[in-house]
Structures are given as C-alpha cells and as structure tokens.
C-alpha cells in the first residue's frame, strides 16, 4: 500500500478517535438521536394501537423515524468544531480528506447504533412481521451508508450558519428524497409475504448502491472546497 494511503488512513483514524472521545465526554449526538428515535417510535406505537397496517405504511413510518432521528444529531460532527473554536486547528493539522473520512465513519457508527436499537424496537412495538431479515438488514446497511455520505457534507456546509438544526433538515430532505423512496420500497418488500426476495427489489437496491457511491464520492470531491471556504 502506498505511503500516502497509509498516512490518510492513520489521519482519518485519528480524527475518528478524537470525535469518539469528545462524544463520550458530552454524549450529545448519541443522546439526541436515540432519545428522538425512541420517543418518536413510542408515539407511533401508541397511535397505531392494535391496528394492523399495510407493509408500505410500516416501512414509511420506520424510515421517517430513522430520518428525523438522524437529523437531530448527525450535524454535531462539524457543529461541535465551530462551537468549540477548534475548526481552525483542525484545518492546520489534518488533511481535508482525512477529516471527511474520519467524520463520515463517525456518523456512520452513530447511524448503525441507531439502527441497532430502533429496528428491533420497531418490529416489536408495531408487531410487524419480517419476512426476509437479510433483505431488511441489507437495505438498512446501504441506506445508512447513503444517509451518512450525504449528511456529513451538509453538516460541514451548515456548521457556520445561524440556525443550524433547521437548516440541516431543510437542506438534507431534498437531497435524501431519492434515498428515502428507494429504502421505503425495498423495506416494504421485506415486510411483505409475497414479494420479499432480493430479485423482487433489484432496481431499488441498484439505486441505493448507486446513491451511496455517488454521495460518498461527491463528498470527497467537494469537501475540500467547502471546508476551506
């Protein structure tokens, strides 16, 4: 492996480790996304009651919970740097690509933690029957990668704005709409007793993979310009 690749990986890990240490001191992002996700899920569960909903409705509710829970905490990865006045030091000591990759992985770990807690609770509290667990896990994984790829760059853009939280959600929703439509359609199949095979959602999976690749690549290409401005 080339030395520059090793150096980039080491610097990215250093940025990730710094963010993990800061998060464990404050626990702001973890508490925000988990509290919002669990609270919203509880409200949805009580609203539904004993009603049996269509797979498409259950799928839409699940991804709405994931989306808004993510919006409550993922922006902190860059907002924290601006509020603590450490962004200038970070610019001087780390390569932009290393900063992006470290913070992208950090946001991805937050999303995986959210998925790990919310998904089982959603299945239990809404009494949804999961007909293909591997399809569900695959969609959840790829969807989380795409979500992290898009929101990490947006977080860098809005970090110096005045109304950060509102602006983060407003900018994220149009960009994430294709992702949400595809994840809802694919998740619906995993909840459905008829069309629950990977072949039944081939187009949706292709869109999800393409979206994740494009978002991560675009973030890498655009981040230096956004970060240095």
Protein backbone atom coordinates (compact mmCIF):
# COMPACT_ATOMS: atom_id res chain seq x y z
CA UNK A 1 0.00 0.00 0.00
CA UNK A 2 1.37 3.47 -0.89
CA UNK A 3 2.65 5.58 1.98
CA UNK A 4 0.15 8.37 1.27
CA UNK A 5 -2.71 5.86 1.61
CA UNK A 6 -1.33 4.68 4.95
CA UNK A 7 -0.93 8.28 6.08
CA UNK A 8 -4.50 9.13 5.03
CA UNK A 9 -5.86 6.09 6.88
CA UNK A 10 -3.88 6.95 10.02
CA UNK A 11 -5.03 10.56 9.99
CA UNK A 12 -8.65 9.52 9.39
CA UNK A 13 -8.48 7.14 12.34
CA UNK A 14 -7.01 9.94 14.48
CA UNK A 15 -9.91 12.26 13.57
CA UNK A 16 -12.39 9.45 14.29
CA UNK A 17 -10.77 8.72 17.65
CA UNK A 18 -10.89 12.42 18.58
CA UNK A 19 -14.61 12.61 17.75
CA UNK A 20 -15.35 9.42 19.68
CA UNK A 21 -13.57 10.78 22.77
CA UNK A 22 -15.41 14.11 22.51
CA UNK A 23 -18.73 12.33 22.08
CA UNK A 24 -18.20 10.13 25.13
CA UNK A 25 -17.49 13.26 27.18
CA UNK A 26 -20.68 15.09 26.14
CA UNK A 27 -22.84 12.29 24.66
CA UNK A 28 -24.81 14.97 22.83
CA UNK A 29 -25.22 13.28 19.45
CA UNK A 30 -25.86 9.81 20.90
CA UNK A 31 -28.43 11.10 23.36
CA UNK A 32 -30.10 13.26 20.71
CA UNK A 33 -30.59 10.59 18.07
CA UNK A 34 -31.55 7.83 20.50
CA UNK A 35 -33.93 10.00 22.54
CA UNK A 36 -35.62 11.35 19.42
CA UNK A 37 -35.83 7.90 17.83
CA UNK A 38 -37.22 6.12 20.88
CA UNK A 39 -39.67 8.94 21.67
CA UNK A 40 -40.98 9.07 18.10
CA UNK A 41 -41.27 5.29 17.96
CA UNK A 42 -43.22 5.25 21.23
CA UNK A 43 -45.64 7.90 19.94
CA UNK A 44 -46.11 5.97 16.69
CA UNK A 45 -46.70 2.72 18.59
CA UNK A 46 -49.35 4.27 20.86
CA UNK A 47 -51.02 5.97 17.88
CA UNK A 48 -51.29 2.72 15.94
CA UNK A 49 -52.50 0.69 18.90
CA UNK A 50 -53.66 -2.76 17.86
CA UNK A 51 -54.22 -1.81 14.22
CA UNK A 52 -52.56 -3.87 11.52
CA UNK A 53 -51.06 -1.57 8.89
CA UNK A 54 -50.00 -2.29 5.34
CA UNK A 55 -46.31 -3.14 4.80
CA UNK A 56 -45.81 0.09 2.82
CA UNK A 57 -47.15 2.18 5.70
CA UNK A 58 -44.98 0.39 8.25
CA UNK A 59 -41.94 0.84 6.03
CA UNK A 60 -42.62 4.56 5.60
CA UNK A 61 -43.07 5.02 9.36
CA UNK A 62 -39.80 3.21 10.06
CA UNK A 63 -37.73 5.36 7.70
CA UNK A 64 -39.41 8.56 8.86
CA UNK A 65 -38.27 7.72 12.39
CA UNK A 66 -34.72 6.95 11.20
CA UNK A 67 -34.56 10.12 9.10
CA UNK A 68 -35.71 12.57 11.75
CA UNK A 69 -33.67 10.89 14.48
CA UNK A 70 -30.60 11.22 12.27
CA UNK A 71 -31.37 14.89 11.63
CA UNK A 72 -31.28 15.57 15.36
CA UNK A 73 -27.67 14.53 15.88
CA UNK A 74 -25.55 13.98 12.76
CA UNK A 75 -24.80 17.68 12.21
CA UNK A 76 -22.89 17.81 15.51
CA UNK A 77 -19.84 16.25 13.91
CA UNK A 78 -18.96 19.67 12.39
CA UNK A 79 -21.09 21.99 14.52
CA UNK A 80 -19.07 20.89 17.56
CA UNK A 81 -15.85 22.07 15.88
CA UNK A 82 -17.29 25.53 15.22
CA UNK A 83 -18.79 25.93 18.69
CA UNK A 84 -15.57 24.81 20.41
CA UNK A 85 -13.47 27.02 18.07
CA UNK A 86 -11.33 24.03 17.08
CA UNK A 87 -12.05 24.06 13.35
CA UNK A 88 -9.05 26.28 12.57
CA UNK A 89 -6.68 23.97 14.43
CA UNK A 90 -8.18 21.00 12.60
CA UNK A 91 -7.62 22.71 9.25
CA UNK A 92 -3.96 23.32 10.09
CA UNK A 93 -3.19 19.84 11.40
CA UNK A 94 -5.20 17.44 9.22
CA UNK A 95 -5.76 16.78 5.54
CA UNK A 96 -9.31 17.61 4.35
CA UNK A 97 -9.87 14.08 3.05
CA UNK A 98 -8.77 12.63 6.40
CA UNK A 99 -11.18 14.95 8.21
CA UNK A 100 -14.05 13.95 5.94
CA UNK A 101 -13.38 10.21 6.17
CA UNK A 102 -12.98 10.31 9.95
CA UNK A 103 -16.20 12.22 10.45
CA UNK A 104 -18.05 10.15 7.84
CA UNK A 105 -17.17 6.95 9.70
CA UNK A 106 -18.19 8.58 12.98
CA UNK A 107 -21.62 9.49 11.58
CA UNK A 108 -21.93 6.00 10.14
CA UNK A 109 -21.22 4.46 13.56
CA UNK A 110 -23.93 6.70 15.07
CA UNK A 111 -26.39 5.52 12.42
CA UNK A 112 -25.50 1.86 12.99
CA UNK A 113 -26.11 2.36 16.71
CA UNK A 114 -29.46 3.98 15.94
CA UNK A 115 -30.39 1.12 13.58
CA UNK A 116 -29.35 -1.49 16.13
CA UNK A 117 -31.67 -0.04 18.77
CA UNK A 118 -34.61 1.29 16.75
CA UNK A 119 -35.07 -1.60 14.29
CA UNK A 120 -35.76 -4.36 16.89
CA UNK A 121 -37.91 -1.99 18.95
CA UNK A 122 -39.91 -1.05 15.86
CA UNK A 123 -40.57 -4.68 14.95
CA UNK A 124 -41.72 -5.48 18.49
CA UNK A 125 -43.73 -2.35 19.25
CA UNK A 126 -45.58 -2.22 15.92
CA UNK A 127 -45.99 -6.00 15.62
CA UNK A 128 -44.55 -6.06 12.10
CA UNK A 129 -43.79 -9.46 10.59
CA UNK A 130 -40.35 -9.54 8.98
CA UNK A 131 -40.43 -11.99 6.08
CA UNK A 132 -36.85 -11.56 4.88
CA UNK A 133 -34.41 -10.45 7.57
CA UNK A 134 -31.38 -10.41 5.24
CA UNK A 135 -33.12 -8.12 2.77
CA UNK A 136 -34.11 -5.84 5.65
CA UNK A 137 -30.55 -5.74 7.04
CA UNK A 138 -29.05 -5.14 3.58
CA UNK A 139 -31.38 -2.22 2.88
CA UNK A 140 -30.73 -0.80 6.34
CA UNK A 141 -26.95 -1.02 5.85
CA UNK A 142 -26.84 0.52 2.36
CA UNK A 143 -29.39 3.16 3.32
CA UNK A 144 -27.30 4.15 6.34
CA UNK A 145 -24.17 4.50 4.19
CA UNK A 146 -26.01 6.75 1.75
CA UNK A 147 -27.55 8.75 4.59
CA UNK A 148 -24.16 9.27 6.26
CA UNK A 149 -22.49 10.20 2.97
CA UNK A 150 -25.00 12.94 2.18
CA UNK A 151 -25.49 14.36 5.68
CA UNK A 152 -21.78 14.60 6.54
CA UNK A 153 -21.15 17.03 3.69
CA UNK A 154 -24.32 19.01 4.51
CA UNK A 155 -23.20 19.21 8.14
CA UNK A 156 -19.95 20.84 7.00
CA UNK A 157 -21.88 23.33 4.87
CA UNK A 158 -24.28 24.46 7.63
CA UNK A 159 -21.80 24.35 10.54
CA UNK A 160 -21.18 28.11 10.40
CA UNK A 161 -24.79 29.09 9.79
CA UNK A 162 -27.00 30.75 12.40
CA UNK A 163 -29.95 28.33 12.57
CA UNK A 164 -28.02 25.10 12.18
CA UNK A 165 -30.58 22.42 13.13
CA UNK A 166 -33.42 23.76 11.00
CA UNK A 167 -31.14 24.42 8.03
CA UNK A 168 -29.64 20.93 8.28
CA UNK A 169 -33.04 19.24 7.94
CA UNK A 170 -34.21 21.62 5.20
CA UNK A 171 -31.13 21.03 3.05
CA UNK A 172 -30.98 17.31 3.73
CA UNK A 173 -34.56 16.37 2.84
CA UNK A 174 -34.49 17.18 -0.93
CA UNK A 175 -31.10 15.50 -1.31
CA UNK A 176 -32.20 12.42 0.63
CA UNK A 177 -35.62 12.07 -1.03
CA UNK A 178 -34.44 9.55 -3.71
CA UNK A 179 -32.76 7.52 -0.95
CA UNK A 180 -35.89 7.51 1.21
CA UNK A 181 -38.16 6.50 -1.68
CA UNK A 182 -35.92 3.54 -2.56
CA UNK A 183 -35.38 2.40 1.03
CA UNK A 184 -39.11 2.54 1.76
CA UNK A 185 -39.89 0.49 -1.35
CA UNK A 186 -37.21 -2.11 -0.58
CA UNK A 187 -38.13 -2.32 3.11
CA UNK A 188 -41.78 -2.79 2.13
CA UNK A 189 -40.75 -5.94 0.29
CA UNK A 190 -39.05 -7.35 3.39
CA UNK A 191 -42.31 -6.78 5.33
CA UNK A 192 -44.48 -8.30 2.59
CA UNK A 193 -45.34 -12.03 2.46
CA UNK A 194 -45.42 -12.00 -1.36
CA UNK A 195 -42.50 -10.04 -2.83
CA UNK A 196 -39.72 -10.45 -0.28
CA UNK A 197 -36.77 -11.70 -2.32
CA UNK A 198 -33.69 -9.76 -3.42
CA UNK A 199 -34.72 -10.22 -7.06
CA UNK A 200 -38.04 -8.51 -6.38
CA UNK A 201 -36.32 -5.26 -5.38
CA UNK A 202 -33.36 -5.38 -7.77
CA UNK A 203 -33.93 -1.86 -9.19
CA UNK A 204 -34.31 -0.34 -5.72
CA UNK A 205 -31.10 -1.99 -4.49
CA UNK A 206 -29.22 -0.73 -7.55
CA UNK A 207 -30.46 2.80 -6.86
CA UNK A 208 -29.41 2.54 -3.22
CA UNK A 209 -25.90 1.31 -4.05
CA UNK A 210 -25.50 3.93 -6.78
CA UNK A 211 -26.74 6.67 -4.45
CA UNK A 212 -24.34 5.65 -1.67
CA UNK A 213 -21.37 5.56 -4.08
CA UNK A 214 -22.26 8.91 -5.65
CA UNK A 215 -22.81 10.64 -2.30
CA UNK A 216 -19.55 9.41 -0.78
CA UNK A 217 -17.60 10.25 -3.95
CA UNK A 218 -19.19 13.70 -4.26
CA UNK A 219 -18.45 14.40 -0.61
CA UNK A 220 -14.78 13.55 -1.11
CA UNK A 221 -14.54 15.73 -4.23
CA UNK A 222 -16.39 18.73 -2.79
CA UNK A 223 -15.34 18.68 0.83
CA UNK A 224 -12.02 20.48 0.46
CA UNK A 225 -13.74 23.42 -1.21
CA UNK A 226 -16.47 23.55 1.46
CA UNK A 227 -14.02 23.13 4.36
CA UNK A 228 -11.50 25.73 3.21
CA UNK A 229 -14.07 28.43 2.42
